[in-house]
N, C-alpha and C. Protein backbone atom coordinates (compact mmCIF):
# COMPACT_ATOMS: atom_id res chain seq x y z
N MET A 1 12.54 7.68 0.12
CA MET A 1 13.15 7.02 -1.19
C MET A 1 12.03 8.04 -1.97
N ASN A 2 12.77 8.85 -3.23
CA ASN A 2 11.87 9.76 -3.75
C ASN A 2 11.73 9.15 -5.36
N SER A 3 12.58 8.17 -5.63
CA SER A 3 11.71 7.17 -7.19
C SER A 3 11.19 6.03 -6.32
N ALA A 4 10.23 5.35 -7.46
CA ALA A 4 9.67 4.39 -7.11
C ALA A 4 10.39 3.09 -7.24
N PRO A 5 9.99 1.80 -6.87
CA PRO A 5 10.55 0.63 -6.81
C PRO A 5 10.47 -0.02 -8.15
N GLN A 6 11.23 -0.65 -9.34
CA GLN A 6 11.54 -0.66 -9.95
C GLN A 6 10.57 -2.40 -10.13
N SER A 7 10.56 -3.35 -9.04
CA SER A 7 10.38 -4.58 -9.14
C SER A 7 8.92 -5.19 -8.25
N SER A 8 8.14 -5.94 -8.94
CA SER A 8 7.12 -6.37 -6.99
C SER A 8 8.02 -6.54 -5.64
N ALA A 9 8.90 -7.14 -5.89
CA ALA A 9 9.47 -8.17 -4.71
C ALA A 9 10.35 -6.97 -4.09
N LYS A 10 10.95 -5.90 -4.69
CA LYS A 10 11.16 -4.64 -4.14
C LYS A 10 10.54 -3.24 -3.18
N LEU A 11 9.60 -3.22 -4.00
CA LEU A 11 8.20 -2.95 -3.43
C LEU A 11 7.69 -3.14 -2.32
N LEU A 12 7.74 -4.63 -1.96
CA LEU A 12 7.47 -5.37 -0.82
C LEU A 12 8.59 -5.04 0.27
N GLN A 13 9.82 -5.74 -0.41
CA GLN A 13 10.35 -5.03 0.97
C GLN A 13 10.87 -3.49 1.44
N ILE A 14 10.38 -2.85 0.63
CA ILE A 14 10.12 -0.96 0.88
C ILE A 14 8.97 -1.20 2.44
N LEU A 15 7.86 -1.43 1.57
CA LEU A 15 6.91 -1.60 2.31
C LEU A 15 6.43 -1.77 3.51
N GLN A 16 7.77 -3.44 3.77
CA GLN A 16 7.49 -4.45 4.99
C GLN A 16 8.43 -3.54 6.14
N GLU A 17 9.34 -2.33 4.76
CA GLU A 17 10.12 -1.88 5.71
C GLU A 17 9.23 -0.60 6.78
N GLU A 18 8.71 -0.35 5.77
CA GLU A 18 8.00 1.29 6.05
C GLU A 18 7.04 1.39 6.77
N PHE A 19 6.40 0.17 6.99
CA PHE A 19 4.84 0.19 7.51
C PHE A 19 5.01 -0.83 8.17
N PRO A 20 5.61 -1.58 9.04
CA PRO A 20 5.97 -2.92 9.71
C PRO A 20 4.74 -3.92 10.37
N ARG A 21 3.63 -2.79 10.98
CA ARG A 21 2.21 -3.35 11.61
C ARG A 21 1.35 -3.31 10.72
N ILE A 22 1.40 -3.29 9.17
CA ILE A 22 0.75 -3.70 8.18
C ILE A 22 0.90 -4.87 7.55
N SER A 23 -0.01 -6.02 7.08
CA SER A 23 0.56 -7.29 6.67
C SER A 23 0.68 -7.49 5.18
N TRP A 24 2.05 -7.65 4.77
CA TRP A 24 2.35 -7.52 3.30
C TRP A 24 2.08 -8.22 2.53
N THR A 25 1.74 -9.15 1.51
CA THR A 25 2.18 -10.38 1.04
C THR A 25 2.16 -10.03 -0.74
N GLN A 26 3.07 -10.77 -1.13
CA GLN A 26 2.41 -11.07 -2.62
C GLN A 26 1.33 -11.71 -3.30
N THR A 27 0.59 -11.14 -4.09
CA THR A 27 0.01 -12.07 -4.57
C THR A 27 -0.77 -11.59 -6.10
N VAL A 28 -2.04 -12.18 -6.27
CA VAL A 28 -2.32 -12.41 -8.27
C VAL A 28 -3.76 -11.26 -7.62
N LEU A 29 -4.05 -10.48 -8.82
CA LEU A 29 -5.16 -9.74 -8.08
C LEU A 29 -5.80 -9.06 -10.08
N PHE A 30 -6.72 -9.94 -10.42
CA PHE A 30 -7.49 -9.90 -11.98
C PHE A 30 -6.23 -10.24 -12.84
N GLY A 31 -5.38 -11.43 -12.16
CA GLY A 31 -4.33 -11.81 -13.52
C GLY A 31 -3.16 -10.62 -13.70
N SER A 32 -3.04 -10.05 -12.58
CA SER A 32 -1.64 -9.38 -12.51
C SER A 32 -1.11 -9.65 -11.12
N GLU A 33 -0.17 -9.51 -11.08
CA GLU A 33 1.04 -9.56 -9.93
C GLU A 33 0.52 -8.18 -8.96
N CYS A 34 0.66 -8.27 -7.42
CA CYS A 34 0.00 -7.14 -7.14
C CYS A 34 0.53 -7.57 -5.83
N ILE A 35 0.75 -5.91 -4.89
CA ILE A 35 1.00 -6.28 -3.45
C ILE A 35 -0.40 -6.42 -2.88
N MET A 36 -0.53 -7.23 -1.49
CA MET A 36 -1.52 -6.74 -1.33
C MET A 36 -1.13 -6.44 0.83
N GLY A 37 -1.88 -5.58 0.86
CA GLY A 37 -1.40 -5.05 2.79
C GLY A 37 -3.01 -5.37 3.44
N ALA A 38 -2.75 -6.04 4.14
CA ALA A 38 -3.98 -6.21 5.00
C ALA A 38 -3.67 -5.45 6.85
N ILE A 39 -5.17 -4.21 6.66
CA ILE A 39 -5.26 -3.96 7.98
C ILE A 39 -6.36 -4.79 8.87
N LYS A 40 -6.69 -5.52 9.52
CA LYS A 40 -8.04 -5.49 10.06
C LYS A 40 -8.97 -6.33 8.98
N ARG A 41 -10.06 -5.39 8.71
CA ARG A 41 -10.88 -5.56 7.89
C ARG A 41 -10.00 -4.59 6.66
N THR A 42 -9.60 -4.32 6.34
CA THR A 42 -8.96 -3.38 5.13
C THR A 42 -7.99 -3.99 4.66
N ARG A 43 -8.51 -4.42 2.92
CA ARG A 43 -7.53 -4.59 2.06
C ARG A 43 -7.05 -3.65 1.18
N VAL A 44 -5.60 -3.64 0.96
CA VAL A 44 -4.91 -2.53 0.13
C VAL A 44 -3.94 -2.70 -1.09
N TYR A 45 -4.49 -3.28 -2.21
CA TYR A 45 -3.76 -4.46 -3.43
C TYR A 45 -2.84 -2.53 -3.98
N ILE A 46 -1.58 -3.14 -4.32
CA ILE A 46 -0.93 -2.30 -5.06
C ILE A 46 -0.49 -3.01 -6.43
N LYS A 47 -0.49 -2.34 -7.49
CA LYS A 47 -0.28 -2.97 -8.51
C LYS A 47 1.29 -1.59 -9.22
N ASN A 48 2.28 -1.90 -9.25
CA ASN A 48 3.35 -1.20 -9.82
C ASN A 48 3.51 -1.45 -11.22
N GLN A 49 3.02 -0.25 -11.93
CA GLN A 49 2.62 0.08 -13.37
C GLN A 49 3.65 0.94 -14.20
N LYS A 50 3.61 0.80 -15.51
CA LYS A 50 4.30 1.85 -15.54
C LYS A 50 4.71 2.91 -15.44
N ASN A 51 5.87 4.04 -15.72
CA ASN A 51 6.53 5.52 -16.12
C ASN A 51 5.99 5.50 -13.93
N PHE A 52 6.30 4.66 -13.73
CA PHE A 52 6.17 5.02 -12.63
C PHE A 52 4.63 5.75 -11.48
N THR A 53 3.70 4.73 -12.15
CA THR A 53 2.57 4.78 -11.75
C THR A 53 1.83 3.63 -10.77
N PHE A 54 1.03 3.70 -9.75
CA PHE A 54 0.59 2.74 -8.89
C PHE A 54 -0.65 3.17 -8.85
N GLY A 55 -1.44 1.43 -9.38
CA GLY A 55 -2.59 1.21 -8.72
C GLY A 55 -3.56 1.16 -8.24
N ILE A 56 -4.22 1.56 -6.89
CA ILE A 56 -4.30 1.29 -5.83
C ILE A 56 -6.19 0.75 -5.82
N ASP A 57 -6.49 -0.58 -5.08
CA ASP A 57 -7.55 -1.30 -5.73
C ASP A 57 -7.73 -1.35 -3.79
N VAL A 58 -8.77 -1.19 -3.18
CA VAL A 58 -9.27 -1.14 -1.89
C VAL A 58 -9.99 -1.72 -1.34
N GLU A 59 -10.65 -2.24 -0.56
CA GLU A 59 -11.71 -3.20 0.04
C GLU A 59 -12.02 -2.62 1.50
N HIS A 60 -12.57 -1.60 1.14
CA HIS A 60 -12.98 -1.37 3.53
C HIS A 60 -14.42 -1.40 3.91
N LYS A 61 -14.61 -2.55 4.37
CA LYS A 61 -15.62 -2.56 4.96
C LYS A 61 -17.06 -3.21 4.00
N GLY A 62 -16.52 -3.64 3.19
CA GLY A 62 -17.10 -4.05 1.63
C GLY A 62 -17.69 -2.87 1.30
N MET A 63 -16.55 -2.05 1.10
CA MET A 63 -16.90 -1.08 -0.11
C MET A 63 -15.35 -1.65 -0.65
N LYS A 64 -15.58 -1.41 -2.27
CA LYS A 64 -14.13 -1.19 -2.88
C LYS A 64 -14.39 -0.16 -3.81
N TRP A 65 -12.92 0.80 -3.95
CA TRP A 65 -12.49 1.45 -5.31
C TRP A 65 -11.63 1.38 -5.28
N SER A 66 -11.35 2.43 -6.19
CA SER A 66 -9.83 1.46 -7.45
C SER A 66 -9.45 3.36 -7.46
N GLN A 67 -8.15 3.81 -7.47
CA GLN A 67 -7.37 4.92 -8.02
C GLN A 67 -5.85 4.53 -8.42
N ARG A 68 -5.58 5.76 -9.03
CA ARG A 68 -3.74 5.51 -9.57
C ARG A 68 -3.56 6.68 -8.60
N VAL A 69 -2.29 6.44 -8.46
CA VAL A 69 -0.80 7.77 -7.91
C VAL A 69 0.26 7.84 -8.73
N ASN A 70 0.55 9.23 -8.68
CA ASN A 70 2.34 9.33 -9.86
C ASN A 70 3.88 8.80 -9.08
N SER A 71 3.33 8.64 -7.95
CA SER A 71 4.74 8.86 -6.95
C SER A 71 4.59 8.33 -5.84
N PHE A 72 5.91 7.81 -5.40
CA PHE A 72 5.68 7.14 -4.28
C PHE A 72 5.76 7.42 -2.90
N GLU A 73 5.35 8.89 -2.72
CA GLU A 73 5.27 9.66 -1.98
C GLU A 73 3.53 9.41 -2.23
N GLN A 74 2.70 9.99 -3.30
CA GLN A 74 1.71 9.98 -3.29
C GLN A 74 1.36 8.44 -2.16
N LEU A 75 1.54 7.33 -2.66
CA LEU A 75 1.62 5.91 -2.34
C LEU A 75 1.19 6.01 -1.28
N LYS A 76 2.46 6.33 -0.72
CA LYS A 76 2.87 6.14 1.28
C LYS A 76 1.96 6.80 1.50
N ASN A 77 1.35 8.42 1.32
CA ASN A 77 0.43 8.97 1.84
C ASN A 77 -1.14 8.48 1.71
N GLU A 78 -1.32 7.57 0.96
CA GLU A 78 -2.63 6.84 0.57
C GLU A 78 -2.35 5.63 1.53
N ILE A 79 -1.38 4.61 1.39
CA ILE A 79 -1.41 3.75 2.56
C ILE A 79 -1.94 4.12 4.04
N THR A 80 -0.83 5.37 4.15
CA THR A 80 -1.45 6.08 5.78
C THR A 80 -3.47 6.16 5.97
N TYR A 81 -3.74 7.21 4.88
CA TYR A 81 -4.78 7.30 4.92
C TYR A 81 -5.67 6.02 5.25
N TYR A 82 -5.78 4.76 4.12
CA TYR A 82 -6.15 3.75 4.59
C TYR A 82 -5.70 2.95 5.58
N SER A 83 -4.79 3.08 6.04
CA SER A 83 -4.55 2.05 7.26
C SER A 83 -5.64 3.38 8.74
N ARG A 84 -5.93 4.65 8.83
CA ARG A 84 -6.38 5.18 9.63
C ARG A 84 -7.87 4.74 9.23
N LEU A 85 -8.31 4.42 8.00
CA LEU A 85 -9.49 3.98 7.96
C LEU A 85 -9.96 2.54 8.77
N ALA A 86 -8.99 1.57 8.48
CA ALA A 86 -9.05 0.38 9.69
C ALA A 86 -8.74 0.62 11.61
N ASP A 87 -7.33 1.09 11.04
CA ASP A 87 -6.99 0.96 12.84
C ASP A 87 -6.17 2.15 13.49
N PRO A 88 -7.32 3.15 13.91
CA PRO A 88 -6.12 4.12 14.22
C PRO A 88 -4.78 4.65 14.73
N GLU A 89 -4.69 3.31 16.03
CA GLU A 89 -3.46 2.99 16.55
C GLU A 89 -2.74 2.95 15.58
N VAL A 90 -2.64 1.77 14.21
CA VAL A 90 -1.28 1.48 13.30
C VAL A 90 -1.29 2.82 13.00
N VAL A 91 -2.23 3.62 12.47
CA VAL A 91 -1.68 5.34 11.95
C VAL A 91 -0.29 5.71 13.15
N LYS A 92 -0.84 6.02 14.39
CA LYS A 92 0.28 6.72 15.53
C LYS A 92 1.40 6.16 15.49
N GLU A 93 1.79 4.96 14.70
CA GLU A 93 2.76 3.98 14.86
C GLU A 93 3.41 4.37 13.59
N ILE A 94 2.84 4.42 13.24
CA ILE A 94 3.36 4.87 11.18
C ILE A 94 3.96 6.26 11.34
N GLN A 95 2.79 6.82 11.84
CA GLN A 95 3.79 8.09 12.16
C GLN A 95 4.64 8.94 12.63
N THR A 96 5.19 8.20 13.80
CA THR A 96 5.54 8.28 14.44
C THR A 96 7.15 7.29 13.80
N SER A 97 7.05 6.73 13.15
CA SER A 97 8.18 5.65 12.33
C SER A 97 8.48 6.35 11.48
N LEU A 98 7.87 7.37 10.53
CA LEU A 98 8.29 8.17 9.55
C LEU A 98 9.08 9.35 10.12
N PHE A 99 9.00 9.99 11.24
CA PHE A 99 8.58 11.51 10.78
C PHE A 99 9.85 11.33 12.22
């Protein structure tokens, strides 16, 4: 999928389909609606922003950081990277299902 989903509900559905081993929920972070992915002790919060940009906030073993990506493909790459940090077995399954 090359185009970014326009709604949080659609984004949630797509992430659940593409990354089924990750626990995805719709939630609120800092007063904004977002999608949270949970893998062991790692949390990834995704905000669908204007102009097909995604804001990502990550919590991993007590560390926190934020970044933005400009495409849905970049978002999927980042999710795969954070999954690898949290659980290498999940990444093996994700790579198998995507290719």
